[in-house]
């Protein structure tokens, strides 16, 4: 089948209406809170258990393995805060916002700021260079040899060098720069700064009283490296190389985001983010329904002889392409 050219005018409107009709029941379906609660309990238990083993283990190898477990669990726990932005974690937006702040601030992740920026990301992805989560450098942006190297090898710069600290700093900076677009950002930046400082001050005092300040610093440094590598790599796989406009906002979202083939359990752990194109087009669909949404969207695109959603066979395939 030869892909048809992008539709315009009445044909584009007809396509968008058909896409919305195909997933309407998924958009309108009530949130099932136990899915989100299960993820919170599972990953929270992994974080607490790994942390406890790290602090109590007398052996370096077992402490290192415990810290790796805690880092992976914390990365997955932080991914649940993405659902909280859209109110699809528990179906209770205010409760989700409070929980997400408490999950994020120990890692100094400015969730309240991110929540505002992420809504702008959904509005601007693929079509406005101010997109606060754009990972694709634009050809018009200036840069020397190091910047050109970063364009060719984004995985090394973002995931391994900048990591979690780079993501935190970038989010805070974008929030400051875009505070004129969303007036809530100034308050949100203050809230995140206050919350993170208060929590870390309390934890540092506890570490000093226990006589283990160096172990405390090592704990957070290693967690930052693990979490930063996972979250930055995930963002690159989902968006790198796809940032460009198509005809109409809906098609732009579908084509500027990657779909990754995964098992059902990994899709649940990742909060539906492997089906990132469907999520960007219809962010109110709960994560457990996104695989079905991707299938329906592709069926509509096939009927219109349009190219299917951008897709990778696995996250490993995505890492190989980035390398």
Protein backbone atom coordinates (compact mmCIF):
# COMPACT_ATOMS: atom_id res chain seq x y z
CA UNK A 1 0.00 0.00 0.00
CA UNK A 2 1.32 3.42 -0.98
CA UNK A 3 0.83 6.00 1.75
CA UNK A 4 -1.44 8.86 0.79
CA UNK A 5 -0.38 12.46 1.14
CA UNK A 6 -1.36 14.23 4.33
CA UNK A 7 -5.01 15.30 4.20
CA UNK A 8 -6.02 18.95 4.40
CA UNK A 9 -9.22 20.91 4.78
CA UNK A 10 -12.41 18.76 4.87
CA UNK A 11 -10.41 15.51 4.49
CA UNK A 12 -8.29 16.39 7.55
CA UNK A 13 -11.37 17.26 9.60
CA UNK A 14 -13.01 13.96 8.60
CA UNK A 15 -9.87 12.03 9.63
CA UNK A 16 -9.68 13.79 12.99
CA UNK A 17 -13.37 13.11 13.66
CA UNK A 18 -12.87 9.43 12.84
CA UNK A 19 -9.80 9.21 15.11
CA UNK A 20 -11.71 10.79 18.00
CA UNK A 21 -14.72 8.52 17.43
CA UNK A 22 -12.47 5.44 17.41
CA UNK A 23 -11.24 6.09 20.97
CA UNK A 24 -14.20 7.98 22.43
CA UNK A 25 -15.18 5.16 24.78
CA UNK A 26 -11.58 4.93 26.06
CA UNK A 27 -11.45 8.69 26.68
CA UNK A 28 -14.76 8.66 28.54
CA UNK A 29 -14.08 5.49 30.55
CA UNK A 30 -13.80 6.08 34.33
CA UNK A 31 -10.38 5.84 35.94
CA UNK A 32 -9.73 2.50 37.68
CA UNK A 33 -7.85 3.66 40.80
CA UNK A 34 -6.54 0.27 41.91
CA UNK A 35 -4.16 0.09 38.92
CA UNK A 36 -2.48 3.30 40.03
CA UNK A 37 -2.57 2.32 43.69
CA UNK A 38 -0.91 -1.00 42.83
CA UNK A 39 1.93 0.80 41.06
CA UNK A 40 2.40 3.20 43.99
CA UNK A 41 2.52 0.37 46.53
CA UNK A 42 4.77 -1.86 44.42
CA UNK A 43 7.38 0.75 43.50
CA UNK A 44 7.18 2.49 46.87
CA UNK A 45 7.87 -0.84 48.58
CA UNK A 46 10.82 -1.46 46.27
CA UNK A 47 12.25 1.96 47.07
CA UNK A 48 11.81 1.62 50.83
CA UNK A 49 13.06 -1.97 50.88
CA UNK A 50 16.11 -1.21 48.76
CA UNK A 51 16.91 1.86 50.85
CA UNK A 52 16.59 -0.06 54.11
CA UNK A 53 18.89 -2.82 52.82
CA UNK A 54 21.43 -0.24 51.68
CA UNK A 55 21.52 1.48 55.08
CA UNK A 56 21.66 -1.75 57.08
CA UNK A 57 23.82 -4.03 54.92
CA UNK A 58 27.38 -4.58 56.24
CA UNK A 59 28.65 -5.82 52.85
CA UNK A 60 29.54 -3.54 49.94
CA UNK A 61 28.15 -5.84 47.21
CA UNK A 62 24.77 -6.34 48.87
CA UNK A 63 24.57 -2.60 49.59
CA UNK A 64 25.31 -1.83 45.93
CA UNK A 65 22.63 -4.26 44.71
CA UNK A 66 20.15 -2.79 47.19
CA UNK A 67 20.91 0.71 45.91
CA UNK A 68 20.38 -0.45 42.31
CA UNK A 69 16.99 -1.87 43.31
CA UNK A 70 16.08 1.38 45.06
CA UNK A 71 17.12 3.44 42.04
CA UNK A 72 15.06 1.42 39.55
CA UNK A 73 12.04 1.42 41.89
CA UNK A 74 12.35 5.18 42.43
CA UNK A 75 12.56 5.82 38.67
CA UNK A 76 9.34 3.86 38.12
CA UNK A 77 7.73 5.64 41.09
CA UNK A 78 8.65 9.02 39.56
CA UNK A 79 7.08 7.90 36.27
CA UNK A 80 3.77 7.53 38.12
CA UNK A 81 3.88 11.30 38.70
CA UNK A 82 3.42 11.74 34.94
CA UNK A 83 -0.01 10.12 35.30
CA UNK A 84 -0.70 12.54 38.15
CA UNK A 85 -0.28 15.49 35.76
CA UNK A 86 -3.20 14.16 33.70
CA UNK A 87 -5.27 12.91 36.63
CA UNK A 88 -5.18 9.33 35.28
CA UNK A 89 -3.37 7.67 38.19
CA UNK A 90 -6.16 7.50 40.79
CA UNK A 91 -8.85 9.66 39.23
CA UNK A 92 -8.44 12.22 42.05
CA UNK A 93 -6.34 15.11 40.67
CA UNK A 94 -5.79 17.00 43.95
CA UNK A 95 -4.74 13.87 45.83
CA UNK A 96 -2.49 12.86 42.93
CA UNK A 97 -0.83 16.29 42.91
CA UNK A 98 -0.04 16.10 46.63
CA UNK A 99 1.28 12.53 46.38
CA UNK A 100 3.39 13.41 43.34
CA UNK A 101 5.01 16.32 45.21
CA UNK A 102 5.85 14.08 48.17
CA UNK A 103 7.32 11.45 45.81
CA UNK A 104 9.32 14.00 43.81
CA UNK A 105 10.78 16.39 46.37
CA UNK A 106 13.16 13.89 48.07
CA UNK A 107 14.84 13.58 44.65
CA UNK A 108 14.66 17.41 44.24
CA UNK A 109 12.43 16.84 41.22
CA UNK A 110 10.28 20.00 40.77
CA UNK A 111 7.00 18.23 40.09
CA UNK A 112 4.72 21.23 40.60
CA UNK A 113 6.70 23.15 37.97
CA UNK A 114 6.85 20.12 35.68
CA UNK A 115 3.06 19.73 35.85
CA UNK A 116 2.60 23.16 34.25
CA UNK A 117 5.38 22.64 31.71
CA UNK A 118 4.10 19.23 30.68
CA UNK A 119 0.76 20.69 29.64
CA UNK A 120 2.66 23.17 27.46
CA UNK A 121 4.62 20.24 26.05
CA UNK A 122 1.38 18.58 24.95
CA UNK A 123 0.30 21.82 23.30
CA UNK A 124 3.64 22.61 21.60
CA UNK A 125 5.15 19.19 20.83
CA UNK A 126 6.27 19.10 17.21
CA UNK A 127 5.04 22.58 16.34
CA UNK A 128 6.48 25.25 18.68
CA UNK A 129 10.24 25.47 19.41
CA UNK A 130 9.43 26.69 22.95
CA UNK A 131 8.30 23.14 23.78
CA UNK A 132 9.81 22.68 27.29
CA UNK A 133 10.44 18.96 26.79
CA UNK A 134 11.90 19.13 23.30
CA UNK A 135 14.92 16.83 23.06
CA UNK A 136 15.49 17.42 19.36
CA UNK A 137 17.94 20.26 18.58
CA UNK A 138 16.69 22.32 15.63
CA UNK A 139 18.87 22.95 12.59
CA UNK A 140 18.50 26.72 13.03
CA UNK A 141 19.90 26.64 16.57
CA UNK A 142 23.54 27.78 16.75
CA UNK A 143 26.26 25.58 18.18
CA UNK A 144 29.88 24.58 17.81
CA UNK A 145 31.58 21.21 17.50
CA UNK A 146 30.46 19.95 20.90
CA UNK A 147 26.85 20.87 20.15
CA UNK A 148 27.03 19.07 16.77
CA UNK A 149 28.41 15.98 18.53
CA UNK A 150 25.52 16.14 21.00
CA UNK A 151 23.03 16.24 18.12
CA UNK A 152 24.49 13.04 16.70
CA UNK A 153 24.88 11.26 20.06
CA UNK A 154 22.17 12.60 22.43
CA UNK A 155 22.21 9.51 24.64
CA UNK A 156 25.71 10.17 25.99
CA UNK A 157 25.12 13.84 26.73
CA UNK A 158 21.61 13.76 28.21
CA UNK A 159 21.30 10.32 29.79
CA UNK A 160 24.85 9.63 30.99
CA UNK A 161 26.44 13.06 31.49
CA UNK A 162 23.58 15.37 32.49
CA UNK A 163 21.38 12.66 34.01
CA UNK A 164 18.96 13.57 36.77
CA UNK A 165 20.70 16.80 37.76
CA UNK A 166 20.52 18.03 34.19
CA UNK A 167 16.82 17.21 33.99
CA UNK A 168 16.11 18.99 37.29
CA UNK A 169 18.08 22.09 36.24
CA UNK A 170 16.49 22.17 32.78
CA UNK A 171 12.97 21.90 34.21
CA UNK A 172 13.61 24.71 36.71
CA UNK A 173 15.17 26.89 34.01
CA UNK A 174 12.32 26.28 31.55
CA UNK A 175 9.84 27.08 34.30
CA UNK A 176 11.59 30.39 34.96
CA UNK A 177 11.79 31.29 31.26
CA UNK A 178 8.13 30.43 30.58
CA UNK A 179 6.62 32.04 33.68
CA UNK A 180 5.15 34.74 31.40
CA UNK A 181 3.21 32.08 29.49
CA UNK A 182 1.77 30.37 32.58
CA UNK A 183 1.52 32.67 35.60
CA UNK A 184 1.31 29.71 37.97
CA UNK A 185 4.95 28.85 37.27
CA UNK A 186 6.37 31.46 39.66
CA UNK A 187 4.33 30.02 42.57
CA UNK A 188 5.11 26.49 41.53
CA UNK A 189 8.87 27.15 41.44
CA UNK A 190 8.72 28.56 44.98
CA UNK A 191 6.66 25.58 46.15
CA UNK A 192 9.11 23.05 44.70
CA UNK A 193 12.15 24.85 46.09
CA UNK A 194 10.63 25.13 49.57
CA UNK A 195 9.43 21.53 49.66
CA UNK A 196 12.72 20.04 48.43
CA UNK A 197 14.84 22.13 50.79
CA UNK A 198 12.72 21.31 53.84
CA UNK A 199 12.73 17.58 53.14
CA UNK A 200 16.45 17.40 52.45
CA UNK A 201 17.29 19.52 55.49
CA UNK A 202 15.36 17.09 57.69
CA UNK A 203 17.00 14.04 56.09
CA UNK A 204 20.48 15.57 56.32
CA UNK A 205 20.00 16.34 60.02
CA UNK A 206 18.96 12.71 60.57
CA UNK A 207 22.08 11.50 58.70
CA UNK A 208 24.33 13.81 60.75
CA UNK A 209 22.77 12.62 64.03
CA UNK A 210 23.36 9.04 62.90
CA UNK A 211 26.98 9.90 62.05
CA UNK A 212 26.61 8.86 58.39
CA UNK A 213 26.67 12.02 56.25
CA UNK A 214 28.99 10.55 53.58
CA UNK A 215 26.76 7.50 53.15
CA UNK A 216 23.81 9.88 52.82
CA UNK A 217 25.54 11.82 50.03
CA UNK A 218 26.56 8.58 48.29
CA UNK A 219 22.97 7.35 48.48
CA UNK A 220 21.55 10.35 46.65
CA UNK A 221 24.42 10.61 44.16
CA UNK A 222 23.99 7.02 42.98
CA UNK A 223 20.19 7.33 42.89
CA UNK A 224 20.52 10.48 40.78
CA UNK A 225 22.73 8.64 38.26
CA UNK A 226 20.40 5.61 37.98
CA UNK A 227 17.17 7.60 37.80
CA UNK A 228 18.62 10.20 35.43
CA UNK A 229 19.84 7.52 33.00
CA UNK A 230 16.45 5.75 32.96
CA UNK A 231 14.25 8.85 32.68
CA UNK A 232 16.43 10.68 30.15
CA UNK A 233 16.77 7.58 27.95
CA UNK A 234 13.02 7.03 28.06
CA UNK A 235 12.36 10.60 26.94
CA UNK A 236 14.87 10.35 24.08
CA UNK A 237 13.42 7.09 22.80
CA UNK A 238 9.90 8.50 22.83
CA UNK A 239 10.70 11.76 21.00
CA UNK A 240 14.18 12.04 19.48
CA UNK A 241 14.25 12.45 15.70
CA UNK A 242 10.49 13.00 15.39
CA UNK A 243 10.02 16.67 16.30
CA UNK A 244 8.31 18.17 13.23
CA UNK A 245 4.84 19.49 12.35
CA UNK A 246 2.26 17.58 10.31
CA UNK A 247 -1.08 18.73 8.96
CA UNK A 248 -3.25 19.38 12.01
CA UNK A 249 -2.50 19.16 15.72
CA UNK A 250 -3.71 15.57 16.10
CA UNK A 251 -1.48 14.18 13.34
CA UNK A 252 1.45 16.23 14.68
CA UNK A 253 1.09 14.58 18.08
CA UNK A 254 0.76 11.11 16.56
CA UNK A 255 3.87 11.52 14.42
CA UNK A 256 6.08 13.46 16.84
CA UNK A 257 5.95 10.70 19.46
CA UNK A 258 7.21 7.12 19.36
CA UNK A 259 5.33 3.89 20.06
CA UNK A 260 7.41 1.07 21.58
CA UNK A 261 6.36 -2.59 21.44
CA UNK A 262 6.50 -3.98 24.99
CA UNK A 263 4.96 -6.66 27.15
CA UNK A 264 1.76 -5.88 29.04
CA UNK A 265 3.52 -5.82 32.42
CA UNK A 266 6.18 -3.37 31.23
CA UNK A 267 3.49 -1.12 29.77
CA UNK A 268 1.79 -1.06 33.19
CA UNK A 269 5.11 -0.35 34.96
CA UNK A 270 5.81 2.50 32.53
CA UNK A 271 2.32 3.95 32.89
CA UNK A 272 1.42 3.44 29.23
CA UNK A 273 4.32 5.61 28.04
CA UNK A 274 5.43 2.97 25.48
CA UNK A 275 2.27 4.00 23.60
CA UNK A 276 3.43 7.58 23.61
CA UNK A 277 1.87 8.64 20.32
CA UNK A 278 -1.62 7.62 21.45
CA UNK A 279 -1.01 9.32 24.80
CA UNK A 280 0.03 12.59 23.15
CA UNK A 281 -3.02 12.64 20.93
CA UNK A 282 -5.43 11.65 23.73
CA UNK A 283 -3.77 12.35 27.13
CA UNK A 284 -6.92 11.64 29.16
CA UNK A 285 -6.92 7.93 28.21
CA UNK A 286 -5.82 5.82 31.24
CA UNK A 287 -2.48 4.08 30.80
CA UNK A 288 -3.95 0.56 30.78
CA UNK A 289 -6.14 1.46 27.76
CA UNK A 290 -3.40 3.02 25.63
CA UNK A 291 -2.39 -0.24 23.84
CA UNK A 292 -5.98 -0.60 22.59
CA UNK A 293 -5.98 3.08 21.59
CA UNK A 294 -2.82 2.53 19.51
CA UNK A 295 -4.44 -0.40 17.69
CA UNK A 296 -7.58 1.59 16.89
CA UNK A 297 -5.60 4.64 15.73
CA UNK A 298 -3.47 2.53 13.40
CA UNK A 299 -6.61 0.94 11.97
CA UNK A 300 -8.01 4.39 11.12
CA UNK A 301 -4.72 5.46 9.55
CA UNK A 302 -4.66 2.31 7.41
CA UNK A 303 -8.19 2.96 6.19
CA UNK A 304 -7.05 6.41 5.06
CA UNK A 305 -3.88 4.93 3.47
CA UNK A 306 -1.67 6.99 5.79
CA UNK A 307 1.60 5.88 7.35
CA UNK A 308 1.12 4.10 10.71
CA UNK A 309 2.33 5.41 14.05
CA UNK A 310 6.14 5.63 14.43
CA UNK A 311 7.09 2.39 16.17
CA UNK A 312 10.11 0.59 17.66
CA UNK A 313 10.27 -3.14 18.32
CA UNK A 314 11.59 -2.64 21.88
CA UNK A 315 13.30 -0.18 24.20
CA UNK A 316 16.54 -1.99 23.36
CA UNK A 317 15.94 -1.12 19.71
CA UNK A 318 15.50 2.50 20.76
CA UNK A 319 18.80 2.51 22.68
CA UNK A 320 20.62 0.98 19.71
CA UNK A 321 19.27 3.70 17.40
CA UNK A 322 20.35 6.43 19.81
CA UNK A 323 23.86 4.94 20.04
